[in-house]
Amino acid sequence: MNGVAKRYEFGEKERHSLTVDWSLISKRLRVELYGALVSEEWHLSPRASRFELDVGSSEHHHVEVLAGGFHPTEVIVDGKKIPPAA
C-alpha cells in the first residue's frame, strides 16, 4: 500500500475488518476485507469514486466506500458513516 491506509471495524456479534487505501499520487483505490484484496482500481477523475459490497453471514451489512479526488475517504455501513479504528 502506498497511500493512506485506514482500517475500519464494524458489526456487533460478527466483527468485520475493512482496510481502505487511497493514494492521491497514483489515484489508486484499494479495498481489503479481512486482509484479502476485494478491489483495486485507478481513478483519474477528480470526483470521488464509490465502491459497494455486502458482507456478513449471520449479520449482514451493506458497505459503501467513497474515496478519490480531493474527497476524504468515507466508509458508510448500513447508511451510517463510521470512523476509522483507533
PDB file of N, CA and C in Angstrom:
ATOM      1  N   MET A   1       0.844  -1.180   0.000  1.00  0.00           N
ATOM      2  CA  MET A   1       0.000   0.000   0.000  1.00  0.00           C
ATOM      3  C   MET A   1       0.882   1.233   0.000  1.00  0.00           C
ATOM      4  N   ASN A   2       0.565   2.197  -0.850  1.00  0.00           N
ATOM      5  CA  ASN A   2       1.419   3.381  -0.909  1.00  0.00           C
ATOM      6  C   ASN A   2       0.659   4.663  -0.628  1.00  0.00           C
ATOM      7  N   GLY A   3      -0.582   4.568  -0.243  1.00  0.00           N
ATOM      8  CA  GLY A   3      -1.373   5.743   0.076  1.00  0.00           C
ATOM      9  C   GLY A   3      -1.556   5.850   1.576  1.00  0.00           C
ATOM     10  N   VAL A   4      -2.709   6.357   1.946  1.00  0.00           N
ATOM     11  CA  VAL A   4      -3.053   6.462   3.346  1.00  0.00           C
ATOM     12  C   VAL A   4      -4.060   5.357   3.635  1.00  0.00           C
ATOM     13  N   ALA A   5      -3.594   4.284   4.257  1.00  0.00           N
ATOM     14  CA  ALA A   5      -4.456   3.141   4.556  1.00  0.00           C
ATOM     15  C   ALA A   5      -5.158   3.366   5.885  1.00  0.00           C
ATOM     16  N   LYS A   6      -6.472   3.136   5.882  1.00  0.00           N
ATOM     17  CA  LYS A   6      -7.260   3.256   7.105  1.00  0.00           C
ATOM     18  C   LYS A   6      -8.033   1.962   7.292  1.00  0.00           C
ATOM     19  N   ARG A   7      -8.087   1.519   8.549  1.00  0.00           N
ATOM     20  CA  ARG A   7      -8.809   0.289   8.872  1.00  0.00           C
ATOM     21  C   ARG A   7     -10.111   0.652   9.570  1.00  0.00           C
ATOM     22  N   TYR A   8     -11.164  -0.054   9.186  1.00  0.00           N
ATOM     23  CA  TYR A   8     -12.488   0.158   9.766  1.00  0.00           C
ATOM     24  C   TYR A   8     -12.991  -1.168  10.306  1.00  0.00           C
ATOM     25  N   GLU A   9     -13.603  -1.133  11.482  1.00  0.00           N
ATOM     26  CA  GLU A   9     -14.173  -2.338  12.070  1.00  0.00           C
ATOM     27  C   GLU A   9     -15.636  -2.062  12.390  1.00  0.00           C
ATOM     28  N   PHE A  10     -16.475  -3.070  12.142  1.00  0.00           N
ATOM     29  CA  PHE A  10     -17.906  -2.896  12.395  1.00  0.00           C
ATOM     30  C   PHE A  10     -18.547  -4.256  12.611  1.00  0.00           C
ATOM     31  N   GLY A  11     -19.775  -4.228  13.108  1.00  0.00           N
ATOM     32  CA  GLY A  11     -20.526  -5.446  13.395  1.00  0.00           C
ATOM     33  C   GLY A  11     -20.608  -5.674  14.892  1.00  0.00           C
ATOM     34  N   GLU A  12     -21.728  -6.187  15.340  1.00  0.00           N
ATOM     35  CA  GLU A  12     -21.920  -6.450  16.764  1.00  0.00           C
ATOM     36  C   GLU A  12     -21.465  -7.863  17.137  1.00  0.00           C
ATOM     37  N   LYS A  13     -22.199  -8.872  16.702  1.00  0.00           N
ATOM     38  CA  LYS A  13     -21.864 -10.265  17.033  1.00  0.00           C
ATOM     39  C   LYS A  13     -20.825 -10.833  16.079  1.00  0.00           C
ATOM     40  N   GLU A  14     -20.862 -10.365  14.850  1.00  0.00           N
ATOM     41  CA  GLU A  14     -19.914 -10.816  13.817  1.00  0.00           C
ATOM     42  C   GLU A  14     -19.063  -9.606  13.428  1.00  0.00           C
ATOM     43  N   ARG A  15     -17.799  -9.586  13.855  1.00  0.00           N
ATOM     44  CA  ARG A  15     -16.932  -8.434  13.599  1.00  0.00           C
ATOM     45  C   ARG A  15     -16.324  -8.515  12.198  1.00  0.00           C
ATOM     46  N   HIS A  16     -16.240  -7.364  11.558  1.00  0.00           N
ATOM     47  CA  HIS A  16     -15.702  -7.270  10.208  1.00  0.00           C
ATOM     48  C   HIS A  16     -14.587  -6.240  10.197  1.00  0.00           C
ATOM     49  N   SER A  17     -13.559  -6.495   9.394  1.00  0.00           N
ATOM     50  CA  SER A  17     -12.419  -5.592   9.281  1.00  0.00           C
ATOM     51  C   SER A  17     -12.211  -5.235   7.814  1.00  0.00           C
ATOM     52  N   LEU A  18     -12.266  -3.944   7.526  1.00  0.00           N
ATOM     53  CA  LEU A  18     -12.129  -3.431   6.165  1.00  0.00           C
ATOM     54  C   LEU A  18     -10.981  -2.430   6.149  1.00  0.00           C
ATOM     55  N   THR A  19     -10.081  -2.559   5.178  1.00  0.00           N
ATOM     56  CA  THR A  19      -8.981  -1.601   5.025  1.00  0.00           C
ATOM     57  C   THR A  19      -9.145  -0.892   3.698  1.00  0.00           C
ATOM     58  N   VAL A  20      -9.065   0.434   3.744  1.00  0.00           N
ATOM     59  CA  VAL A  20      -9.191   1.257   2.542  1.00  0.00           C
ATOM     60  C   VAL A  20      -7.898   2.037   2.377  1.00  0.00           C
ATOM     61  N   ASP A  21      -7.306   1.933   1.197  1.00  0.00           N
ATOM     62  CA  ASP A  21      -6.057   2.630   0.893  1.00  0.00           C
ATOM     63  C   ASP A  21      -6.288   3.485  -0.341  1.00  0.00           C
ATOM     64  N   TRP A  22      -6.273   4.815  -0.162  1.00  0.00           N
ATOM     65  CA  TRP A  22      -6.427   5.742  -1.277  1.00  0.00           C
ATOM     66  C   TRP A  22      -5.123   6.500  -1.453  1.00  0.00           C
ATOM     67  N   SER A  23      -4.547   6.410  -2.645  1.00  0.00           N
ATOM     68  CA  SER A  23      -3.305   7.116  -2.951  1.00  0.00           C
ATOM     69  C   SER A  23      -3.613   8.306  -3.847  1.00  0.00           C
ATOM     70  N   LEU A  24      -3.401   9.494  -3.329  1.00  0.00           N
ATOM     71  CA  LEU A  24      -3.633  10.707  -4.107  1.00  0.00           C
ATOM     72  C   LEU A  24      -2.641  10.808  -5.264  1.00  0.00           C
ATOM     73  N   ILE A  25      -1.443  10.279  -5.090  1.00  0.00           N
ATOM     74  CA  ILE A  25      -0.417  10.364  -6.132  1.00  0.00           C
ATOM     75  C   ILE A  25      -0.725   9.434  -7.302  1.00  0.00           C
ATOM     76  N   SER A  26      -0.997   8.162  -7.022  1.00  0.00           N
ATOM     77  CA  SER A  26      -1.241   7.207  -8.112  1.00  0.00           C
ATOM     78  C   SER A  26      -2.718   7.088  -8.478  1.00  0.00           C
ATOM     79  N   LYS A  27      -3.590   7.726  -7.686  1.00  0.00           N
ATOM     80  CA  LYS A  27      -5.045   7.688  -7.920  1.00  0.00           C
ATOM     81  C   LYS A  27      -5.589   6.274  -7.802  1.00  0.00           C
ATOM     82  N   ARG A  28      -5.016   5.495  -6.888  1.00  0.00           N
ATOM     83  CA  ARG A  28      -5.411   4.105  -6.733  1.00  0.00           C
ATOM     84  C   ARG A  28      -6.250   3.930  -5.478  1.00  0.00           C
ATOM     85  N   LEU A  29      -7.371   3.231  -5.634  1.00  0.00           N
ATOM     86  CA  LEU A  29      -8.224   2.867  -4.516  1.00  0.00           C
ATOM     87  C   LEU A  29      -8.127   1.361  -4.332  1.00  0.00           C
ATOM     88  N   ARG A  30      -7.679   0.954  -3.145  1.00  0.00           N
ATOM     89  CA  ARG A  30      -7.527  -0.464  -2.833  1.00  0.00           C
ATOM     90  C   ARG A  30      -8.390  -0.754  -1.603  1.00  0.00           C
ATOM     91  N   VAL A  31      -9.218  -1.797  -1.695  1.00  0.00           N
ATOM     92  CA  VAL A  31     -10.105  -2.179  -0.598  1.00  0.00           C
ATOM     93  C   VAL A  31      -9.825  -3.633  -0.240  1.00  0.00           C
ATOM     94  N   GLU A  32      -9.589  -3.882   1.050  1.00  0.00           N
ATOM     95  CA  GLU A  32      -9.346  -5.233   1.544  1.00  0.00           C
ATOM     96  C   GLU A  32     -10.375  -5.553   2.624  1.00  0.00           C
ATOM     97  N   LEU A  33     -10.858  -6.795   2.618  1.00  0.00           N
ATOM     98  CA  LEU A  33     -11.762  -7.285   3.648  1.00  0.00           C
ATOM     99  C   LEU A  33     -11.067  -8.447   4.333  1.00  0.00           C
ATOM    100  N   TYR A  34     -10.866  -8.354   5.654  1.00  0.00           N
ATOM    101  CA  TYR A  34     -10.133  -9.360   6.427  1.00  0.00           C
ATOM    102  C   TYR A  34      -8.725  -9.583   5.872  1.00  0.00           C
ATOM    103  N   GLY A  35      -8.113  -8.554   5.292  1.00  0.00           N
ATOM    104  CA  GLY A  35      -6.767  -8.653   4.752  1.00  0.00           C
ATOM    105  C   GLY A  35      -6.677  -9.187   3.332  1.00  0.00           C
ATOM    106  N   ALA A  36      -7.817  -9.596   2.753  1.00  0.00           N
ATOM    107  CA  ALA A  36      -7.833 -10.106   1.368  1.00  0.00           C
ATOM    108  C   ALA A  36      -8.319  -9.010   0.418  1.00  0.00           C
ATOM    109  N   LEU A  37      -7.638  -8.858  -0.686  1.00  0.00           N
ATOM    110  CA  LEU A  37      -7.985  -7.844  -1.678  1.00  0.00           C
ATOM    111  C   LEU A  37      -9.364  -8.125  -2.281  1.00  0.00           C
ATOM    112  N   VAL A  38     -10.257  -7.121  -2.249  1.00  0.00           N
ATOM    113  CA  VAL A  38     -11.567  -7.257  -2.893  1.00  0.00           C
ATOM    114  C   VAL A  38     -11.722  -6.295  -4.067  1.00  0.00           C
ATOM    115  N   SER A  39     -10.917  -5.230  -4.088  1.00  0.00           N
ATOM    116  CA  SER A  39     -10.978  -4.292  -5.208  1.00  0.00           C
ATOM    117  C   SER A  39      -9.701  -3.464  -5.264  1.00  0.00           C
ATOM    118  N   GLU A  40      -9.224  -3.232  -6.470  1.00  0.00           N
ATOM    119  CA  GLU A  40      -8.093  -2.329  -6.697  1.00  0.00           C
ATOM    120  C   GLU A  40      -8.349  -1.646  -8.032  1.00  0.00           C
ATOM    121  N   GLU A  41      -8.571  -0.340  -7.972  1.00  0.00           N
ATOM    122  CA  GLU A  41      -8.924   0.425  -9.169  1.00  0.00           C
ATOM    123  C   GLU A  41      -8.159   1.734  -9.185  1.00  0.00           C
ATOM    124  N   TRP A  42      -7.926   2.240 -10.380  1.00  0.00           N
ATOM    125  CA  TRP A  42      -7.291   3.539 -10.566  1.00  0.00           C
ATOM    126  C   TRP A  42      -8.346   4.501 -11.091  1.00  0.00           C
ATOM    127  N   HIS A  43      -8.386   5.703 -10.512  1.00  0.00           N
ATOM    128  CA  HIS A  43      -9.403   6.691 -10.867  1.00  0.00           C
ATOM    129  C   HIS A  43      -8.719   8.004 -11.231  1.00  0.00           C
ATOM    130  N   LEU A  44      -8.879   8.405 -12.462  1.00  0.00           N
ATOM    131  CA  LEU A  44      -8.252   9.649 -12.905  1.00  0.00           C
ATOM    132  C   LEU A  44      -9.193  10.838 -12.790  1.00  0.00           C
ATOM    133  N   SER A  45     -10.446  10.605 -12.521  1.00  0.00           N
ATOM    134  CA  SER A  45     -11.434  11.664 -12.376  1.00  0.00           C
ATOM    135  C   SER A  45     -11.200  12.418 -11.068  1.00  0.00           C
ATOM    136  N   PRO A  46     -11.430  13.736 -11.054  1.00  0.00           N
ATOM    137  CA  PRO A  46     -11.283  14.486  -9.804  1.00  0.00           C
ATOM    138  C   PRO A  46     -12.443  14.221  -8.838  1.00  0.00           C
ATOM    139  N   ARG A  47     -13.469  13.526  -9.293  1.00  0.00           N
ATOM    140  CA  ARG A  47     -14.618  13.221  -8.444  1.00  0.00           C
ATOM    141  C   ARG A  47     -14.348  11.962  -7.619  1.00  0.00           C
ATOM    142  N   ALA A  48     -15.042  11.852  -6.520  1.00  0.00           N
ATOM    143  CA  ALA A  48     -14.897  10.680  -5.653  1.00  0.00           C
ATOM    144  C   ALA A  48     -15.472   9.443  -6.332  1.00  0.00           C
ATOM    145  N   SER A  49     -14.878   8.324  -6.059  1.00  0.00           N
ATOM    146  CA  SER A  49     -15.343   7.038  -6.569  1.00  0.00           C
ATOM    147  C   SER A  49     -16.095   6.310  -5.469  1.00  0.00           C
ATOM    148  N   ARG A  50     -17.011   5.456  -5.879  1.00  0.00           N
ATOM    149  CA  ARG A  50     -17.812   4.690  -4.930  1.00  0.00           C
ATOM    150  C   ARG A  50     -17.620   3.202  -5.201  1.00  0.00           C
ATOM    151  N   PHE A  51     -17.367   2.459  -4.134  1.00  0.00           N
ATOM    152  CA  PHE A  51     -17.275   1.012  -4.213  1.00  0.00           C
ATOM    153  C   PHE A  51     -18.246   0.459  -3.179  1.00  0.00           C
ATOM    154  N   GLU A  52     -19.070  -0.521  -3.563  1.00  0.00           N
ATOM    155  CA  GLU A  52     -20.066  -1.082  -2.657  1.00  0.00           C
ATOM    156  C   GLU A  52     -19.901  -2.589  -2.553  1.00  0.00           C
ATOM    157  N   LEU A  53     -20.169  -3.125  -1.365  1.00  0.00           N
ATOM    158  CA  LEU A  53     -20.165  -4.561  -1.170  1.00  0.00           C
ATOM    159  C   LEU A  53     -21.061  -4.917   0.004  1.00  0.00           C
ATOM    160  N   ASP A  54     -21.495  -6.155   0.027  1.00  0.00           N
ATOM    161  CA  ASP A  54     -22.273  -6.692   1.136  1.00  0.00           C
ATOM    162  C   ASP A  54     -21.407  -7.708   1.858  1.00  0.00           C
ATOM    163  N   VAL A  55     -21.402  -7.635   3.191  1.00  0.00           N
ATOM    164  CA  VAL A  55     -20.579  -8.541   3.985  1.00  0.00           C
ATOM    165  C   VAL A  55     -21.409  -9.186   5.087  1.00  0.00           C
ATOM    166  N   GLY A  56     -20.915 -10.299   5.585  1.00  0.00           N
ATOM    167  CA  GLY A  56     -21.526 -10.967   6.721  1.00  0.00           C
ATOM    168  C   GLY A  56     -22.331 -12.183   6.342  1.00  0.00           C
ATOM    169  N   SER A  57     -22.377 -13.139   7.254  1.00  0.00           N
ATOM    170  CA  SER A  57     -23.200 -14.326   7.022  1.00  0.00           C
ATOM    171  C   SER A  57     -24.370 -14.346   8.000  1.00  0.00           C
ATOM    172  N   SER A  58     -24.095 -14.231   9.298  1.00  0.00           N
ATOM    173  CA  SER A  58     -25.197 -14.199  10.255  1.00  0.00           C
ATOM    174  C   SER A  58     -25.663 -12.771  10.516  1.00  0.00           C
ATOM    175  N   GLU A  59     -24.814 -11.816  10.236  1.00  0.00           N
ATOM    176  CA  GLU A  59     -25.117 -10.395  10.435  1.00  0.00           C
ATOM    177  C   GLU A  59     -24.759  -9.677   9.133  1.00  0.00           C
ATOM    178  N   HIS A  60     -25.734  -9.339   8.334  1.00  0.00           N
ATOM    179  CA  HIS A  60     -25.497  -8.757   7.008  1.00  0.00           C
ATOM    180  C   HIS A  60     -25.362  -7.231   7.091  1.00  0.00           C
ATOM    181  N   HIS A  61     -24.410  -6.700   6.303  1.00  0.00           N
ATOM    182  CA  HIS A  61     -24.189  -5.256   6.247  1.00  0.00           C
ATOM    183  C   HIS A  61     -23.941  -4.834   4.803  1.00  0.00           C
ATOM    184  N   HIS A  62     -24.485  -3.659   4.452  1.00  0.00           N
ATOM    185  CA  HIS A  62     -24.197  -3.055   3.146  1.00  0.00           C
ATOM    186  C   HIS A  62     -23.143  -1.981   3.391  1.00  0.00           C
ATOM    187  N   VAL A  63     -22.011  -2.090   2.697  1.00  0.00           N
ATOM    188  CA  VAL A  63     -20.876  -1.185   2.904  1.00  0.00           C
ATOM    189  C   VAL A  63     -20.637  -0.374   1.642  1.00  0.00           C
ATOM    190  N   GLU A  64     -20.445   0.940   1.816  1.00  0.00           N
ATOM    191  CA  GLU A  64     -20.085   1.838   0.714  1.00  0.00           C
ATOM    192  C   GLU A  64     -18.766   2.512   1.077  1.00  0.00           C
ATOM    193  N   VAL A  65     -17.857   2.547   0.117  1.00  0.00           N
ATOM    194  CA  VAL A  65     -16.579   3.231   0.296  1.00  0.00           C
ATOM    195  C   VAL A  65     -16.552   4.385  -0.697  1.00  0.00           C
ATOM    196  N   LEU A  66     -16.325   5.594  -0.187  1.00  0.00           N
ATOM    197  CA  LEU A  66     -16.190   6.779  -1.029  1.00  0.00           C
ATOM    198  C   LEU A  66     -14.773   7.301  -0.871  1.00  0.00           C
ATOM    199  N   ALA A  67     -14.071   7.439  -1.983  1.00  0.00           N
ATOM    200  CA  ALA A  67     -12.692   7.932  -1.933  1.00  0.00           C
ATOM    201  C   ALA A  67     -12.320   8.463  -3.302  1.00  0.00           C
ATOM    202  N   GLY A  68     -11.301   9.280  -3.326  1.00  0.00           N
ATOM    203  CA  GLY A  68     -10.793   9.754  -4.604  1.00  0.00           C
ATOM    204  C   GLY A  68     -10.856  11.250  -4.730  1.00  0.00           C
ATOM    205  N   GLY A  69     -10.151  11.744  -5.733  1.00  0.00           N
ATOM    206  CA  GLY A  69     -10.092  13.185  -5.940  1.00  0.00           C
ATOM    207  C   GLY A  69      -9.604  13.860  -4.672  1.00  0.00           C
ATOM    208  N   PHE A  70     -10.295  14.893  -4.273  1.00  0.00           N
ATOM    209  CA  PHE A  70      -9.951  15.584  -3.037  1.00  0.00           C
ATOM    210  C   PHE A  70     -10.967  15.270  -1.950  1.00  0.00           C
ATOM    211  N   HIS A  71     -11.771  14.249  -2.189  1.00  0.00           N
ATOM    212  CA  HIS A  71     -12.791  13.817  -1.230  1.00  0.00           C
ATOM    213  C   HIS A  71     -12.133  12.986  -0.141  1.00  0.00           C
ATOM    214  N   PRO A  72     -12.391  13.290   1.133  1.00  0.00           N
ATOM    215  CA  PRO A  72     -11.824  12.435   2.186  1.00  0.00           C
ATOM    216  C   PRO A  72     -12.450  11.043   2.126  1.00  0.00           C
ATOM    217  N   THR A  73     -11.686  10.047   2.496  1.00  0.00           N
ATOM    218  CA  THR A  73     -12.188   8.675   2.477  1.00  0.00           C
ATOM    219  C   THR A  73     -13.303   8.528   3.503  1.00  0.00           C
ATOM    220  N   GLU A  74     -14.417   7.928   3.069  1.00  0.00           N
ATOM    221  CA  GLU A  74     -15.532   7.669   3.968  1.00  0.00           C
ATOM    222  C   GLU A  74     -15.975   6.231   3.797  1.00  0.00           C
ATOM    223  N   VAL A  75     -16.344   5.607   4.897  1.00  0.00           N
ATOM    224  CA  VAL A  75     -16.934   4.271   4.862  1.00  0.00           C
ATOM    225  C   VAL A  75     -18.306   4.388   5.514  1.00  0.00           C
ATOM    226  N   ILE A  76     -19.319   3.932   4.797  1.00  0.00           N
ATOM    227  CA  ILE A  76     -20.699   4.015   5.266  1.00  0.00           C
ATOM    228  C   ILE A  76     -21.226   2.587   5.371  1.00  0.00           C
ATOM    229  N   VAL A  77     -21.664   2.216   6.564  1.00  0.00           N
ATOM    230  CA  VAL A  77     -22.183   0.880   6.824  1.00  0.00           C
ATOM    231  C   VAL A  77     -23.658   0.989   7.182  1.00  0.00           C
ATOM    232  N   ASP A  78     -24.493   0.349   6.389  1.00  0.00           N
ATOM    233  CA  ASP A  78     -25.940   0.378   6.607  1.00  0.00           C
ATOM    234  C   ASP A  78     -26.460   1.812   6.740  1.00  0.00           C
ATOM    235  N   GLY A  79     -25.923   2.708   5.896  1.00  0.00           N
ATOM    236  CA  GLY A  79     -26.397   4.087   5.849  1.00  0.00           C
ATOM    237  C   GLY A  79     -25.765   5.029   6.862  1.00  0.00           C
ATOM    238  N   LYS A  80     -24.834   4.532   7.694  1.00  0.00           N
ATOM    239  CA  LYS A  80     -24.206   5.380   8.712  1.00  0.00           C
ATOM    240  C   LYS A  80     -22.703   5.442   8.492  1.00  0.00           C
ATOM    241  N   LYS A  81     -22.169   6.662   8.481  1.00  0.00           N
ATOM    242  CA  LYS A  81     -20.719   6.855   8.343  1.00  0.00           C
ATOM    243  C   LYS A  81     -20.037   6.352   9.623  1.00  0.00           C
ATOM    244  N   ILE A  82     -18.959   5.568   9.433  1.00  0.00           N
ATOM    245  CA  ILE A  82     -18.229   5.074  10.599  1.00  0.00           C
ATOM    246  C   ILE A  82     -16.805   5.618  10.585  1.00  0.00           C
ATOM    247  N   PRO A  83     -16.219   5.833  11.764  1.00  0.00           N
ATOM    248  CA  PRO A  83     -14.840   6.353  11.833  1.00  0.00           C
ATOM    249  C   PRO A  83     -13.832   5.205  11.680  1.00  0.00           C
ATOM    250  N   PRO A  84     -12.596   5.556  11.311  1.00  0.00           N
ATOM    251  CA  PRO A  84     -11.549   4.538  11.267  1.00  0.00           C
ATOM    252  C   PRO A  84     -11.296   3.978  12.666  1.00  0.00           C
ATOM    253  N   ALA A  85     -10.796   2.745  12.723  1.00  0.00           N
ATOM    254  CA  ALA A  85     -10.456   2.121  14.008  1.00  0.00           C
ATOM    255  C   ALA A  85      -9.261   2.833  14.606  1.00  0.00           C
ATOM    256  N   ALA A  86      -9.200   2.836  15.901  1.00  0.00           N
ATOM    257  CA  ALA A  86      -8.092   3.514  16.604  1.00  0.00           C
ATOM    258  C   ALA A  86      -6.834   2.681  16.544  1.00  0.00           C
TER     259      ALA A  86
END
